[in-house]
Amino acid sequence: MITFINGLLRLRRGPWEMMASILIALGVIMLMQPFVLALFTYSFIVTLIGTVMFIIVSHFPE
C-alpha cells in the first residue's frame, strides 16, 4: 500500500496506469448496469477520462 501511494506521488507509470484501468473498468460497469440512471449518465465521461489518463500516463517513467 505504501509502495502504491509512493508511486502515485512520484508520478510512476505502474500505479497511475492501474488507476486509469480501474476508471475505464468502472465506466464500463456504470454503462452496463440497468438500475441507476445517474451512473449510466456519467459512464461515458468516466470511461473517457480513464482512457485519456491512460494515454497520458503511458509516457511517465517506469
C-alpha atoms as a PDB file:
ATOM      1  CA  MET A   1       0.000   0.000   0.000  1.00  0.00           C
ATOM      2  CA  ILE A   2       2.812   2.387   0.884  1.00  0.00           C
ATOM      3  CA  THR A   3       4.611   1.485  -2.359  1.00  0.00           C
ATOM      4  CA  PHE A   4       1.461   2.226  -4.363  1.00  0.00           C
ATOM      5  CA  ILE A   5       0.964   5.650  -2.770  1.00  0.00           C
ATOM      6  CA  ASN A   6       4.672   6.405  -3.099  1.00  0.00           C
ATOM      7  CA  GLY A   7       4.471   5.532  -6.809  1.00  0.00           C
ATOM      8  CA  LEU A   8       1.498   7.855  -7.253  1.00  0.00           C
ATOM      9  CA  LEU A   9       3.327  10.710  -5.585  1.00  0.00           C
ATOM     10  CA  ARG A  10       6.462  10.143  -7.646  1.00  0.00           C
ATOM     11  CA  LEU A  11       4.450  10.002 -10.889  1.00  0.00           C
ATOM     12  CA  ARG A  12       5.481   6.458 -11.786  1.00  0.00           C
ATOM     13  CA  ARG A  13       3.773   4.632 -14.630  1.00  0.00           C
ATOM     14  CA  GLY A  14       2.594   1.460 -12.877  1.00  0.00           C
ATOM     15  CA  PRO A  15       0.302   2.883 -10.188  1.00  0.00           C
ATOM     16  CA  TRP A  16      -1.140   5.560 -12.486  1.00  0.00           C
ATOM     17  CA  GLU A  17      -1.872   3.018 -15.226  1.00  0.00           C
ATOM     18  CA  MET A  18      -3.655   0.875 -12.663  1.00  0.00           C
ATOM     19  CA  MET A  19      -5.776   3.860 -11.590  1.00  0.00           C
ATOM     20  CA  ALA A  20      -6.606   4.633 -15.234  1.00  0.00           C
ATOM     21  CA  SER A  21      -7.545   0.992 -15.872  1.00  0.00           C
ATOM     22  CA  ILE A  22      -9.797   0.998 -12.820  1.00  0.00           C
ATOM     23  CA  LEU A  23     -11.526   4.139 -14.114  1.00  0.00           C
ATOM     24  CA  ILE A  24     -12.062   2.545 -17.522  1.00  0.00           C
ATOM     25  CA  ALA A  25     -13.490  -0.616 -15.935  1.00  0.00           C
ATOM     26  CA  LEU A  26     -15.688   1.446 -13.613  1.00  0.00           C
ATOM     27  CA  GLY A  27     -17.048   3.409 -16.578  1.00  0.00           C
ATOM     28  CA  VAL A  28     -17.894   0.208 -18.448  1.00  0.00           C
ATOM     29  CA  ILE A  29     -19.627  -1.243 -15.385  1.00  0.00           C
ATOM     30  CA  MET A  30     -21.568   2.006 -14.970  1.00  0.00           C
ATOM     31  CA  LEU A  31     -22.612   1.776 -18.620  1.00  0.00           C
ATOM     32  CA  MET A  32     -23.865  -1.794 -18.327  1.00  0.00           C
ATOM     33  CA  GLN A  33     -25.843  -1.551 -15.103  1.00  0.00           C
ATOM     34  CA  PRO A  34     -29.619  -1.074 -15.541  1.00  0.00           C
ATOM     35  CA  PHE A  35     -30.562   0.308 -12.109  1.00  0.00           C
ATOM     36  CA  VAL A  36     -29.292   3.856 -11.544  1.00  0.00           C
ATOM     37  CA  LEU A  37     -29.748   6.390 -14.332  1.00  0.00           C
ATOM     38  CA  ALA A  38     -27.167   8.801 -12.871  1.00  0.00           C
ATOM     39  CA  LEU A  39     -24.438   6.153 -13.135  1.00  0.00           C
ATOM     40  CA  PHE A  40     -25.409   5.465 -16.729  1.00  0.00           C
ATOM     41  CA  THR A  41     -25.404   9.200 -17.470  1.00  0.00           C
ATOM     42  CA  TYR A  42     -21.817   9.691 -16.304  1.00  0.00           C
ATOM     43  CA  SER A  43     -20.431   6.382 -17.581  1.00  0.00           C
ATOM     44  CA  PHE A  44     -19.129   7.797 -20.864  1.00  0.00           C
ATOM     45  CA  ILE A  45     -17.256  10.662 -19.226  1.00  0.00           C
ATOM     46  CA  VAL A  46     -15.683   8.304 -16.645  1.00  0.00           C
ATOM     47  CA  THR A  47     -14.550   5.947 -19.414  1.00  0.00           C
ATOM     48  CA  LEU A  48     -13.234   8.867 -21.454  1.00  0.00           C
ATOM     49  CA  ILE A  49     -11.289  10.308 -18.508  1.00  0.00           C
ATOM     50  CA  GLY A  50      -9.769   6.885 -17.808  1.00  0.00           C
ATOM     51  CA  THR A  51      -8.764   6.451 -21.456  1.00  0.00           C
ATOM     52  CA  VAL A  52      -7.183   9.907 -21.738  1.00  0.00           C
ATOM     53  CA  MET A  53      -5.476   9.374 -18.390  1.00  0.00           C
ATOM     54  CA  PHE A  54      -4.066   6.041 -19.614  1.00  0.00           C
ATOM     55  CA  ILE A  55      -2.691   7.671 -22.764  1.00  0.00           C
ATOM     56  CA  ILE A  56      -1.031  10.449 -20.742  1.00  0.00           C
ATOM     57  CA  VAL A  57       0.465   8.250 -18.028  1.00  0.00           C
ATOM     58  CA  SER A  58       1.869   5.801 -20.572  1.00  0.00           C
ATOM     59  CA  HIS A  59       4.539   8.469 -21.122  1.00  0.00           C
ATOM     60  CA  PHE A  60       5.531   8.564 -17.428  1.00  0.00           C
ATOM     61  CA  PRO A  61       8.845   6.974 -16.392  1.00  0.00           C
ATOM     62  CA  GLU A  62       8.913   3.442 -15.041  1.00  0.00           C
END
